[in-house]
Amino acid sequence: MKRFHPRKNDDGQLVELRSPSKPTALASWDDPEQIATVVPDGPMPESLNGIALATWTDAPTDIAAWAKLATLQTEDFSEPPMTTAPGKRAASGVVILESDDRVWVVSPSNQYGGYVNTFPKGKLDAGMSLRANALKEGFEESGLQVVLTGFLCDSVRSTSVTRYYTARRVGGHPGDMCWESQAVQLVPRNLLSKFVTHPNDQSVLQALAALG
């Protein structure tokens, strides 16, 4: 039987999930040594590490609102100018660090782009800043509301140069992931290198390891 993502794509079409992800037991979310997995609209505990897991009902819906939020949901940190590369568009993404030493990871629907697991990211629309876009992509792909906490690295990828920020979760519900993700997972840091394996993500993992 065919399985479809509960949210339609940007063209209003249903997205068939050819190999749907499998959720883990609810107890896995409370065990910092386990990988925990939720699928679209899947059940979650009411809270995690003292922060509620609830739908972000007033998330921004346009560029101006994301820009305003970026001034509010960013801790004070500096970042270098972005390094560009010929023929590659600017993009930004976010590595969301949970307080129990796990990291939030998304599983692109149907392993889009060859990614089994990766971090939320996306190219910039006209008028969108790097920081605002990181907040937006983090929410759309993981369902989470985050605060940016620092500059992580710039990653030269196949079609983009992507600036990654670190972030901490302050709200949202991972089951609200958009059609681009077929699962959202919480992974112990010591397992990340075996879990996030795409070549494009190796520089991100190295930068994260350097944080200690």
N, C-alpha and C. Protein backbone atom coordinates (compact mmCIF):
# COMPACT_ATOMS: atom_id res chain seq x y z
N MET A 1 0.85 -1.19 0.00
CA MET A 1 0.00 0.00 0.00
C MET A 1 0.88 1.25 0.00
N LYS A 2 0.54 2.21 -0.82
CA LYS A 2 1.32 3.43 -0.90
C LYS A 2 1.14 4.27 0.37
N ARG A 3 2.24 4.93 0.77
CA ARG A 3 2.21 5.82 1.93
C ARG A 3 2.57 7.22 1.45
N PHE A 4 1.80 8.20 1.90
CA PHE A 4 2.03 9.58 1.48
C PHE A 4 2.32 10.46 2.69
N HIS A 5 3.15 11.46 2.46
CA HIS A 5 3.41 12.46 3.50
C HIS A 5 2.11 13.23 3.75
N PRO A 6 1.80 13.54 5.02
CA PRO A 6 0.54 14.26 5.29
C PRO A 6 0.53 15.69 4.79
N ARG A 7 1.69 16.24 4.42
CA ARG A 7 1.73 17.60 3.89
C ARG A 7 2.17 17.58 2.43
N LYS A 8 1.47 18.37 1.61
CA LYS A 8 1.75 18.40 0.18
C LYS A 8 2.99 19.24 -0.10
N ASN A 9 3.58 19.02 -1.28
CA ASN A 9 4.78 19.78 -1.64
C ASN A 9 4.42 21.19 -2.10
N ASP A 10 5.40 21.95 -2.54
CA ASP A 10 5.19 23.36 -2.89
C ASP A 10 4.29 23.53 -4.10
N ASP A 11 4.08 22.46 -4.86
CA ASP A 11 3.17 22.51 -6.02
C ASP A 11 1.79 21.97 -5.68
N GLY A 12 1.55 21.71 -4.39
CA GLY A 12 0.25 21.21 -3.97
C GLY A 12 0.03 19.74 -4.27
N GLN A 13 1.11 19.00 -4.50
CA GLN A 13 1.00 17.58 -4.84
C GLN A 13 1.35 16.70 -3.65
N LEU A 14 0.73 15.53 -3.62
CA LEU A 14 1.06 14.55 -2.60
C LEU A 14 2.45 13.98 -2.85
N VAL A 15 3.17 13.69 -1.77
CA VAL A 15 4.51 13.12 -1.86
C VAL A 15 4.45 11.68 -1.36
N GLU A 16 4.68 10.74 -2.26
CA GLU A 16 4.72 9.34 -1.86
C GLU A 16 6.04 9.04 -1.16
N LEU A 17 5.97 8.40 -0.02
CA LEU A 17 7.17 7.98 0.71
C LEU A 17 7.45 6.53 0.33
N ARG A 18 8.48 6.33 -0.47
CA ARG A 18 8.73 5.00 -1.02
C ARG A 18 9.23 4.02 0.03
N SER A 19 10.00 4.52 0.98
CA SER A 19 10.47 3.68 2.10
C SER A 19 10.29 4.47 3.39
N PRO A 20 9.07 4.49 3.93
CA PRO A 20 8.79 5.32 5.11
C PRO A 20 9.70 4.96 6.29
N SER A 21 10.09 5.98 7.04
CA SER A 21 10.88 5.76 8.24
C SER A 21 10.01 5.14 9.33
N LYS A 22 10.67 4.52 10.31
CA LYS A 22 9.97 3.88 11.41
C LYS A 22 10.26 4.65 12.70
N PRO A 23 9.21 5.00 13.43
CA PRO A 23 9.44 5.73 14.70
C PRO A 23 9.98 4.80 15.78
N THR A 24 10.65 5.39 16.75
CA THR A 24 11.11 4.63 17.90
C THR A 24 10.07 4.76 19.03
N ALA A 25 10.25 3.95 20.04
CA ALA A 25 9.36 4.01 21.21
C ALA A 25 9.50 5.35 21.90
N LEU A 26 8.42 5.80 22.53
CA LEU A 26 8.44 7.10 23.21
C LEU A 26 9.54 7.18 24.27
N ALA A 27 9.87 6.05 24.89
CA ALA A 27 10.89 6.06 25.94
C ALA A 27 12.26 6.47 25.40
N SER A 28 12.49 6.31 24.09
CA SER A 28 13.80 6.66 23.52
C SER A 28 14.09 8.15 23.63
N TRP A 29 13.06 8.97 23.69
CA TRP A 29 13.27 10.42 23.77
C TRP A 29 13.85 10.84 25.11
N ASP A 30 13.62 10.06 26.14
CA ASP A 30 14.11 10.40 27.47
C ASP A 30 15.44 9.75 27.79
N ASP A 31 16.00 8.98 26.86
CA ASP A 31 17.27 8.30 27.09
C ASP A 31 18.36 8.95 26.23
N PRO A 32 19.26 9.73 26.81
CA PRO A 32 20.26 10.46 26.02
C PRO A 32 21.25 9.56 25.27
N GLU A 33 21.24 8.27 25.55
CA GLU A 33 22.15 7.36 24.86
C GLU A 33 21.49 6.68 23.66
N GLN A 34 20.20 6.97 23.44
CA GLN A 34 19.48 6.33 22.34
C GLN A 34 19.21 7.31 21.21
N ILE A 35 19.10 6.77 20.00
CA ILE A 35 18.57 7.53 18.87
C ILE A 35 17.05 7.51 18.97
N ALA A 36 16.43 8.66 18.88
CA ALA A 36 14.98 8.77 18.93
C ALA A 36 14.47 9.29 17.59
N THR A 37 13.40 8.69 17.10
CA THR A 37 12.89 9.01 15.76
C THR A 37 11.39 9.26 15.80
N VAL A 38 10.96 10.35 15.15
CA VAL A 38 9.54 10.62 14.98
C VAL A 38 9.26 10.79 13.50
N VAL A 39 8.10 10.34 13.06
CA VAL A 39 7.66 10.48 11.67
C VAL A 39 6.61 11.58 11.62
N PRO A 40 6.23 12.04 10.42
CA PRO A 40 5.26 13.15 10.32
C PRO A 40 3.98 12.88 11.12
N ASP A 41 3.63 13.86 11.96
CA ASP A 41 2.44 13.80 12.82
C ASP A 41 2.51 12.68 13.86
N GLY A 42 3.71 12.15 14.09
CA GLY A 42 3.87 11.08 15.06
C GLY A 42 3.78 11.58 16.49
N PRO A 43 3.50 10.67 17.42
CA PRO A 43 3.38 11.07 18.83
C PRO A 43 4.73 11.39 19.44
N MET A 44 4.70 12.28 20.42
CA MET A 44 5.89 12.69 21.15
C MET A 44 5.54 12.86 22.62
N PRO A 45 6.53 12.83 23.50
CA PRO A 45 6.25 13.20 24.89
C PRO A 45 5.77 14.65 24.95
N GLU A 46 5.15 15.03 26.05
CA GLU A 46 4.67 16.40 26.19
C GLU A 46 5.82 17.40 26.28
N SER A 47 6.95 16.94 26.80
CA SER A 47 8.11 17.83 26.92
C SER A 47 9.38 17.00 26.83
N LEU A 48 10.48 17.71 26.62
CA LEU A 48 11.78 17.05 26.53
C LEU A 48 12.81 17.97 27.17
N ASN A 49 13.52 17.46 28.16
CA ASN A 49 14.54 18.25 28.87
C ASN A 49 14.00 19.59 29.36
N GLY A 50 12.76 19.55 29.84
CA GLY A 50 12.16 20.72 30.46
C GLY A 50 11.54 21.72 29.50
N ILE A 51 11.55 21.43 28.19
CA ILE A 51 10.97 22.33 27.19
C ILE A 51 9.80 21.62 26.52
N ALA A 52 8.65 22.28 26.46
CA ALA A 52 7.46 21.68 25.89
C ALA A 52 7.65 21.33 24.42
N LEU A 53 7.04 20.24 24.00
CA LEU A 53 6.98 19.85 22.60
C LEU A 53 5.57 20.15 22.12
N ALA A 54 5.42 21.27 21.45
CA ALA A 54 4.09 21.73 21.03
C ALA A 54 4.22 22.50 19.73
N THR A 55 3.19 22.42 18.91
CA THR A 55 3.19 23.09 17.61
C THR A 55 3.46 24.58 17.76
N TRP A 56 4.34 25.10 16.90
CA TRP A 56 4.65 26.53 16.86
C TRP A 56 3.57 27.20 16.03
N THR A 57 2.56 27.72 16.71
CA THR A 57 1.36 28.19 16.03
C THR A 57 1.51 29.57 15.38
N ASP A 58 2.46 30.38 15.86
CA ASP A 58 2.60 31.73 15.32
C ASP A 58 3.94 31.91 14.60
N ALA A 59 4.39 30.87 13.96
CA ALA A 59 5.65 30.95 13.20
C ALA A 59 5.51 31.96 12.07
N PRO A 60 6.59 32.64 11.71
CA PRO A 60 6.53 33.62 10.62
C PRO A 60 6.07 32.98 9.31
N THR A 61 5.48 33.82 8.47
CA THR A 61 4.98 33.32 7.19
C THR A 61 5.53 34.11 6.00
N ASP A 62 6.37 35.13 6.25
CA ASP A 62 6.95 35.88 5.14
C ASP A 62 8.36 36.32 5.50
N ILE A 63 9.08 36.86 4.51
CA ILE A 63 10.48 37.22 4.69
C ILE A 63 10.65 38.27 5.79
N ALA A 64 9.77 39.28 5.80
CA ALA A 64 9.89 40.34 6.78
C ALA A 64 9.76 39.80 8.21
N ALA A 65 8.83 38.87 8.39
CA ALA A 65 8.62 38.31 9.73
C ALA A 65 9.79 37.45 10.16
N TRP A 66 10.37 36.71 9.22
CA TRP A 66 11.56 35.92 9.56
C TRP A 66 12.73 36.84 9.90
N ALA A 67 12.86 37.93 9.17
CA ALA A 67 13.94 38.89 9.44
C ALA A 67 13.80 39.49 10.84
N LYS A 68 12.59 39.83 11.21
CA LYS A 68 12.35 40.38 12.55
C LYS A 68 12.68 39.35 13.61
N LEU A 69 12.27 38.11 13.37
CA LEU A 69 12.54 37.06 14.35
C LEU A 69 14.03 36.83 14.51
N ALA A 70 14.78 36.95 13.42
CA ALA A 70 16.22 36.71 13.48
C ALA A 70 16.91 37.71 14.42
N THR A 71 16.34 38.89 14.58
CA THR A 71 16.92 39.86 15.51
C THR A 71 16.58 39.51 16.96
N LEU A 72 15.55 38.71 17.14
CA LEU A 72 15.10 38.36 18.48
C LEU A 72 15.62 37.01 18.94
N GLN A 73 15.72 36.06 17.99
CA GLN A 73 16.09 34.69 18.34
C GLN A 73 17.51 34.36 17.91
N THR A 74 18.41 35.28 18.20
CA THR A 74 19.82 35.08 17.94
C THR A 74 20.61 35.60 19.13
N GLU A 75 21.46 34.75 19.71
CA GLU A 75 22.32 35.21 20.78
C GLU A 75 23.42 36.09 20.19
N ASP A 76 24.12 36.81 21.04
CA ASP A 76 25.14 37.76 20.58
C ASP A 76 26.41 37.02 20.17
N PHE A 77 26.66 36.95 18.87
CA PHE A 77 27.90 36.34 18.39
C PHE A 77 28.27 36.98 17.06
N SER A 78 29.53 36.91 16.73
CA SER A 78 30.01 37.44 15.45
C SER A 78 30.22 36.30 14.47
N GLU A 79 30.32 36.65 13.20
CA GLU A 79 30.57 35.65 12.17
C GLU A 79 31.37 36.30 11.05
N PRO A 80 32.22 35.52 10.37
CA PRO A 80 33.03 36.09 9.30
C PRO A 80 32.21 36.30 8.04
N PRO A 81 32.71 37.09 7.09
CA PRO A 81 32.04 37.19 5.79
C PRO A 81 31.98 35.81 5.15
N MET A 82 30.90 35.54 4.41
CA MET A 82 30.78 34.24 3.77
C MET A 82 31.74 34.12 2.59
N THR A 83 32.39 32.99 2.49
CA THR A 83 33.24 32.70 1.35
C THR A 83 32.37 32.18 0.21
N THR A 84 32.47 32.77 -0.95
CA THR A 84 31.65 32.35 -2.08
C THR A 84 32.46 31.45 -3.02
N ALA A 85 31.77 30.79 -3.92
CA ALA A 85 32.41 29.94 -4.92
C ALA A 85 31.68 30.12 -6.24
N PRO A 86 32.39 30.15 -7.36
CA PRO A 86 31.76 30.37 -8.67
C PRO A 86 30.65 29.36 -8.95
N GLY A 87 29.50 29.88 -9.37
CA GLY A 87 28.39 29.03 -9.77
C GLY A 87 27.61 28.42 -8.63
N LYS A 88 27.91 28.79 -7.40
CA LYS A 88 27.21 28.21 -6.25
C LYS A 88 26.44 29.30 -5.49
N ARG A 89 25.18 29.01 -5.19
CA ARG A 89 24.33 29.96 -4.50
C ARG A 89 24.58 29.94 -3.00
N ALA A 90 24.27 31.05 -2.36
CA ALA A 90 24.38 31.12 -0.90
C ALA A 90 23.22 30.37 -0.26
N ALA A 91 23.51 29.69 0.82
CA ALA A 91 22.50 28.94 1.56
C ALA A 91 22.88 29.00 3.04
N SER A 92 21.97 28.60 3.88
CA SER A 92 22.28 28.52 5.31
C SER A 92 21.50 27.38 5.94
N GLY A 93 22.05 26.91 7.06
CA GLY A 93 21.43 25.81 7.77
C GLY A 93 21.74 25.88 9.24
N VAL A 94 21.26 24.89 9.97
CA VAL A 94 21.36 24.96 11.43
C VAL A 94 21.60 23.57 11.99
N VAL A 95 22.51 23.52 12.98
CA VAL A 95 22.75 22.29 13.74
C VAL A 95 22.20 22.53 15.14
N ILE A 96 21.11 21.86 15.45
CA ILE A 96 20.37 22.10 16.69
C ILE A 96 20.88 21.15 17.76
N LEU A 97 21.46 21.72 18.82
CA LEU A 97 22.06 20.94 19.89
C LEU A 97 21.08 20.84 21.05
N GLU A 98 20.77 19.63 21.45
CA GLU A 98 19.89 19.40 22.59
C GLU A 98 20.73 19.40 23.87
N SER A 99 20.12 19.76 24.98
CA SER A 99 20.88 19.89 26.23
C SER A 99 21.37 18.56 26.78
N ASP A 100 20.85 17.42 26.29
CA ASP A 100 21.28 16.11 26.76
C ASP A 100 22.43 15.54 25.92
N ASP A 101 23.10 16.40 25.15
CA ASP A 101 24.25 16.04 24.31
C ASP A 101 23.84 15.21 23.09
N ARG A 102 22.60 15.38 22.65
CA ARG A 102 22.18 14.82 21.38
C ARG A 102 21.99 15.95 20.37
N VAL A 103 21.89 15.59 19.11
CA VAL A 103 21.79 16.56 18.03
C VAL A 103 20.60 16.20 17.16
N TRP A 104 19.85 17.21 16.74
CA TRP A 104 18.68 16.99 15.90
C TRP A 104 19.11 16.83 14.44
N VAL A 105 18.58 15.79 13.81
CA VAL A 105 18.93 15.44 12.43
C VAL A 105 17.63 15.18 11.67
N VAL A 106 17.60 15.57 10.39
CA VAL A 106 16.42 15.31 9.58
C VAL A 106 16.75 14.25 8.53
N SER A 107 15.72 13.50 8.14
CA SER A 107 15.85 12.48 7.10
C SER A 107 15.04 12.94 5.90
N PRO A 108 15.71 13.43 4.84
CA PRO A 108 14.98 13.94 3.68
C PRO A 108 14.06 12.89 3.06
N SER A 109 12.89 13.31 2.63
CA SER A 109 11.94 12.38 2.02
C SER A 109 12.55 11.71 0.81
N ASN A 110 12.48 10.39 0.81
CA ASN A 110 12.99 9.58 -0.30
C ASN A 110 14.48 9.82 -0.56
N GLN A 111 15.20 10.16 0.52
CA GLN A 111 16.65 10.38 0.45
C GLN A 111 17.00 11.39 -0.65
N TYR A 112 16.25 12.47 -0.69
CA TYR A 112 16.43 13.49 -1.72
C TYR A 112 17.89 13.98 -1.73
N GLY A 113 18.45 14.10 -2.92
CA GLY A 113 19.82 14.57 -3.06
C GLY A 113 20.87 13.58 -2.60
N GLY A 114 20.44 12.35 -2.31
CA GLY A 114 21.37 11.35 -1.82
C GLY A 114 21.60 11.39 -0.33
N TYR A 115 20.83 12.20 0.39
CA TYR A 115 20.99 12.33 1.84
C TYR A 115 20.05 11.37 2.57
N VAL A 116 20.63 10.45 3.34
CA VAL A 116 19.81 9.61 4.20
C VAL A 116 19.44 10.40 5.46
N ASN A 117 20.44 11.04 6.04
CA ASN A 117 20.25 11.91 7.20
C ASN A 117 21.14 13.13 7.02
N THR A 118 20.67 14.28 7.49
CA THR A 118 21.44 15.51 7.33
C THR A 118 20.92 16.56 8.31
N PHE A 119 21.41 17.78 8.16
CA PHE A 119 20.97 18.89 9.01
C PHE A 119 20.10 19.84 8.19
N PRO A 120 19.13 20.51 8.81
CA PRO A 120 18.26 21.43 8.06
C PRO A 120 19.06 22.52 7.36
N LYS A 121 18.72 22.79 6.12
CA LYS A 121 19.44 23.80 5.34
C LYS A 121 18.61 24.14 4.12
N GLY A 122 18.94 25.24 3.45
CA GLY A 122 18.27 25.62 2.21
C GLY A 122 18.87 26.87 1.62
N LYS A 123 18.69 27.04 0.33
CA LYS A 123 19.21 28.22 -0.36
C LYS A 123 18.36 29.43 -0.03
N LEU A 124 18.99 30.60 -0.13
CA LEU A 124 18.32 31.85 0.24
C LEU A 124 17.38 32.32 -0.86
N ASP A 125 16.18 32.69 -0.46
CA ASP A 125 15.29 33.42 -1.36
C ASP A 125 15.73 34.88 -1.39
N ALA A 126 15.35 35.60 -2.42
CA ALA A 126 15.71 37.02 -2.53
C ALA A 126 15.22 37.79 -1.30
N GLY A 127 16.12 38.55 -0.70
CA GLY A 127 15.78 39.36 0.46
C GLY A 127 15.92 38.67 1.80
N MET A 128 16.23 37.37 1.79
CA MET A 128 16.35 36.62 3.04
C MET A 128 17.80 36.62 3.52
N SER A 129 18.01 36.94 4.78
CA SER A 129 19.36 36.93 5.34
C SER A 129 19.76 35.50 5.71
N LEU A 130 21.06 35.30 5.91
CA LEU A 130 21.55 33.98 6.28
C LEU A 130 20.95 33.51 7.60
N ARG A 131 20.89 34.40 8.58
CA ARG A 131 20.37 34.00 9.89
C ARG A 131 18.87 33.72 9.84
N ALA A 132 18.13 34.59 9.18
CA ALA A 132 16.69 34.37 9.07
C ALA A 132 16.39 33.08 8.33
N ASN A 133 17.15 32.82 7.28
CA ASN A 133 16.93 31.60 6.50
C ASN A 133 17.24 30.35 7.31
N ALA A 134 18.27 30.42 8.16
CA ALA A 134 18.58 29.27 9.00
C ALA A 134 17.43 28.96 9.96
N LEU A 135 16.84 29.99 10.55
CA LEU A 135 15.68 29.79 11.42
C LEU A 135 14.52 29.18 10.65
N LYS A 136 14.29 29.70 9.45
CA LYS A 136 13.18 29.22 8.61
C LYS A 136 13.38 27.76 8.21
N GLU A 137 14.57 27.43 7.72
CA GLU A 137 14.82 26.06 7.28
C GLU A 137 14.77 25.09 8.46
N GLY A 138 15.28 25.54 9.60
CA GLY A 138 15.22 24.69 10.78
C GLY A 138 13.79 24.35 11.15
N PHE A 139 12.92 25.36 11.10
CA PHE A 139 11.52 25.12 11.43
C PHE A 139 10.83 24.24 10.39
N GLU A 140 11.00 24.57 9.12
CA GLU A 140 10.29 23.84 8.08
C GLU A 140 10.68 22.36 8.04
N GLU A 141 11.97 22.09 8.17
CA GLU A 141 12.43 20.72 7.99
C GLU A 141 12.37 19.89 9.27
N SER A 142 12.37 20.54 10.43
CA SER A 142 12.34 19.78 11.69
C SER A 142 11.13 20.08 12.56
N GLY A 143 10.37 21.13 12.25
CA GLY A 143 9.24 21.50 13.08
C GLY A 143 9.62 22.24 14.34
N LEU A 144 10.92 22.54 14.51
CA LEU A 144 11.39 23.12 15.77
C LEU A 144 11.60 24.62 15.68
N GLN A 145 11.35 25.28 16.78
CA GLN A 145 11.65 26.70 16.96
C GLN A 145 12.98 26.78 17.70
N VAL A 146 13.94 27.52 17.15
CA VAL A 146 15.27 27.53 17.74
C VAL A 146 15.78 28.95 17.89
N VAL A 147 16.81 29.08 18.72
CA VAL A 147 17.58 30.31 18.86
C VAL A 147 18.99 30.02 18.36
N LEU A 148 19.50 30.87 17.46
CA LEU A 148 20.86 30.69 16.96
C LEU A 148 21.84 31.06 18.05
N THR A 149 22.87 30.22 18.24
CA THR A 149 23.81 30.43 19.33
C THR A 149 25.24 30.71 18.86
N GLY A 150 25.54 30.46 17.59
CA GLY A 150 26.90 30.72 17.13
C GLY A 150 27.12 30.34 15.69
N PHE A 151 28.23 30.83 15.14
CA PHE A 151 28.67 30.45 13.80
C PHE A 151 29.41 29.12 13.90
N LEU A 152 29.09 28.18 13.01
CA LEU A 152 29.74 26.87 13.02
C LEU A 152 30.77 26.74 11.89
N CYS A 153 30.32 26.90 10.64
CA CYS A 153 31.24 26.75 9.52
C CYS A 153 30.54 27.14 8.23
N ASP A 154 31.35 27.31 7.18
CA ASP A 154 30.84 27.43 5.82
C ASP A 154 31.20 26.15 5.08
N SER A 155 30.23 25.56 4.42
CA SER A 155 30.43 24.28 3.75
C SER A 155 30.20 24.45 2.25
N VAL A 156 31.22 24.16 1.45
CA VAL A 156 31.09 24.21 -0.02
C VAL A 156 30.48 22.89 -0.46
N ARG A 157 29.27 22.98 -1.03
CA ARG A 157 28.54 21.79 -1.39
C ARG A 157 28.38 21.71 -2.90
N SER A 158 27.59 20.77 -3.39
CA SER A 158 27.51 20.54 -4.82
C SER A 158 26.92 21.73 -5.58
N THR A 159 25.93 22.42 -5.01
CA THR A 159 25.31 23.55 -5.71
C THR A 159 25.27 24.82 -4.88
N SER A 160 25.87 24.80 -3.69
CA SER A 160 25.78 25.97 -2.82
C SER A 160 27.00 26.08 -1.93
N VAL A 161 27.14 27.27 -1.34
CA VAL A 161 28.01 27.45 -0.17
C VAL A 161 27.06 27.70 0.99
N THR A 162 27.09 26.80 1.96
CA THR A 162 26.10 26.84 3.04
C THR A 162 26.74 27.25 4.35
N ARG A 163 26.22 28.29 4.95
CA ARG A 163 26.66 28.73 6.28
C ARG A 163 25.82 27.99 7.33
N TYR A 164 26.52 27.35 8.25
CA TYR A 164 25.84 26.63 9.33
C TYR A 164 26.02 27.36 10.65
N TYR A 165 24.92 27.41 11.39
CA TYR A 165 24.92 27.96 12.73
C TYR A 165 24.60 26.85 13.72
N THR A 166 25.06 27.00 14.96
CA THR A 166 24.57 26.16 16.03
C THR A 166 23.33 26.82 16.61
N ALA A 167 22.49 26.02 17.24
CA ALA A 167 21.24 26.54 17.79
C ALA A 167 20.79 25.68 18.95
N ARG A 168 19.88 26.24 19.75
CA ARG A 168 19.23 25.48 20.81
C ARG A 168 17.72 25.57 20.62
N ARG A 169 17.07 24.50 20.98
CA ARG A 169 15.61 24.40 20.82
C ARG A 169 14.91 25.18 21.92
N VAL A 170 13.89 25.97 21.53
CA VAL A 170 13.08 26.68 22.51
C VAL A 170 11.59 26.37 22.36
N GLY A 171 11.23 25.59 21.34
CA GLY A 171 9.82 25.26 21.13
C GLY A 171 9.64 24.41 19.89
N GLY A 172 8.38 24.27 19.50
CA GLY A 172 8.06 23.50 18.31
C GLY A 172 7.83 22.03 18.58
N HIS A 173 7.44 21.31 17.53
CA HIS A 173 7.12 19.88 17.61
C HIS A 173 7.69 19.21 16.37
N PRO A 174 8.61 18.25 16.52
CA PRO A 174 9.23 17.66 15.34
C PRO A 174 8.27 16.89 14.44
N GLY A 175 7.15 16.46 14.98
CA GLY A 175 6.16 15.79 14.13
C GLY A 175 5.53 16.71 13.10
N ASP A 176 5.78 18.03 13.24
CA ASP A 176 5.24 19.01 12.29
C ASP A 176 6.15 19.23 11.10
N MET A 177 7.15 18.41 10.90
CA MET A 177 8.08 18.54 9.77
C MET A 177 7.33 18.68 8.46
N CYS A 178 7.89 19.48 7.54
CA CYS A 178 7.26 19.68 6.24
C CYS A 178 7.49 18.46 5.35
N TRP A 179 6.97 18.52 4.13
CA TRP A 179 7.04 17.39 3.20
C TRP A 179 8.47 17.02 2.82
N GLU A 180 9.40 17.91 3.03
CA GLU A 180 10.79 17.63 2.66
C GLU A 180 11.45 16.61 3.57
N SER A 181 10.88 16.38 4.75
CA SER A 181 11.46 15.44 5.72
C SER A 181 10.48 14.31 5.98
N GLN A 182 10.99 13.08 6.00
CA GLN A 182 10.13 11.95 6.32
C GLN A 182 10.37 11.44 7.74
N ALA A 183 11.35 12.02 8.43
CA ALA A 183 11.59 11.72 9.84
C ALA A 183 12.47 12.81 10.42
N VAL A 184 12.33 13.02 11.72
CA VAL A 184 13.23 13.89 12.49
C VAL A 184 13.77 13.03 13.62
N GLN A 185 15.09 13.12 13.83
CA GLN A 185 15.73 12.22 14.77
C GLN A 185 16.63 12.99 15.73
N LEU A 186 16.76 12.43 16.91
CA LEU A 186 17.64 12.99 17.93
C LEU A 186 18.74 11.97 18.16
N VAL A 187 19.99 12.37 17.87
CA VAL A 187 21.09 11.42 17.79
C VAL A 187 22.20 11.78 18.78
N PRO A 188 22.67 10.83 19.59
CA PRO A 188 23.81 11.11 20.46
C PRO A 188 25.02 11.58 19.65
N ARG A 189 25.74 12.54 20.16
CA ARG A 189 26.85 13.12 19.40
C ARG A 189 27.90 12.08 19.03
N ASN A 190 28.10 11.08 19.88
CA ASN A 190 29.13 10.09 19.58
C ASN A 190 28.71 9.13 18.47
N LEU A 191 27.45 9.21 18.02
CA LEU A 191 26.98 8.37 16.93
C LEU A 191 26.78 9.14 15.63
N LEU A 192 26.98 10.45 15.68
CA LEU A 192 26.67 11.28 14.51
C LEU A 192 27.46 10.87 13.26
N SER A 193 28.73 10.55 13.42
CA SER A 193 29.55 10.25 12.25
C SER A 193 29.11 8.99 11.53
N LYS A 194 28.45 8.09 12.25
CA LYS A 194 27.92 6.87 11.62
C LYS A 194 26.51 7.08 11.08
N PHE A 195 25.89 8.16 11.50
CA PHE A 195 24.49 8.41 11.16
C PHE A 195 24.36 9.42 10.03
N VAL A 196 25.20 10.46 10.06
CA VAL A 196 25.21 11.49 9.01
C VAL A 196 26.45 11.21 8.15
N THR A 197 26.24 10.62 6.99
CA THR A 197 27.37 10.06 6.23
C THR A 197 27.59 10.69 4.86
N HIS A 198 26.73 11.60 4.43
CA HIS A 198 26.93 12.19 3.10
C HIS A 198 28.24 12.98 3.08
N PRO A 199 29.02 12.86 1.99
CA PRO A 199 30.29 13.59 1.91
C PRO A 199 30.15 15.09 2.15
N ASN A 200 29.06 15.69 1.71
CA ASN A 200 28.88 17.13 1.87
C ASN A 200 28.78 17.55 3.33
N ASP A 201 28.43 16.61 4.22
CA ASP A 201 28.25 16.94 5.63
C ASP A 201 29.50 16.73 6.47
N GLN A 202 30.55 16.23 5.89
CA GLN A 202 31.74 15.89 6.70
C GLN A 202 32.40 17.12 7.31
N SER A 203 32.44 18.23 6.56
CA SER A 203 33.02 19.45 7.13
C SER A 203 32.18 19.97 8.28
N VAL A 204 30.89 19.77 8.22
CA VAL A 204 30.01 20.20 9.31
C VAL A 204 30.29 19.36 10.56
N LEU A 205 30.43 18.05 10.38
CA LEU A 205 30.72 17.16 11.50
C LEU A 205 32.08 17.51 12.11
N GLN A 206 33.06 17.83 11.27
CA GLN A 206 34.38 18.19 11.78
C GLN A 206 34.32 19.48 12.59
N ALA A 207 33.56 20.46 12.11
CA ALA A 207 33.43 21.71 12.83
C ALA A 207 32.72 21.49 14.17
N LEU A 208 31.72 20.63 14.17
CA LEU A 208 31.00 20.33 15.40
C LEU A 208 31.91 19.62 16.40
N ALA A 209 32.72 18.68 15.92
CA ALA A 209 33.64 17.97 16.80
C ALA A 209 34.66 18.92 17.41
N ALA A 210 35.05 19.94 16.66
CA ALA A 210 36.03 20.90 17.14
C ALA A 210 35.49 21.77 18.28
N LEU A 211 34.16 21.84 18.38
CA LEU A 211 33.57 22.61 19.48
C LEU A 211 33.80 21.95 20.82
N GLY A 212 34.04 20.62 20.78
CA GLY A 212 34.27 19.87 22.02
C GLY A 212 32.98 19.44 22.69
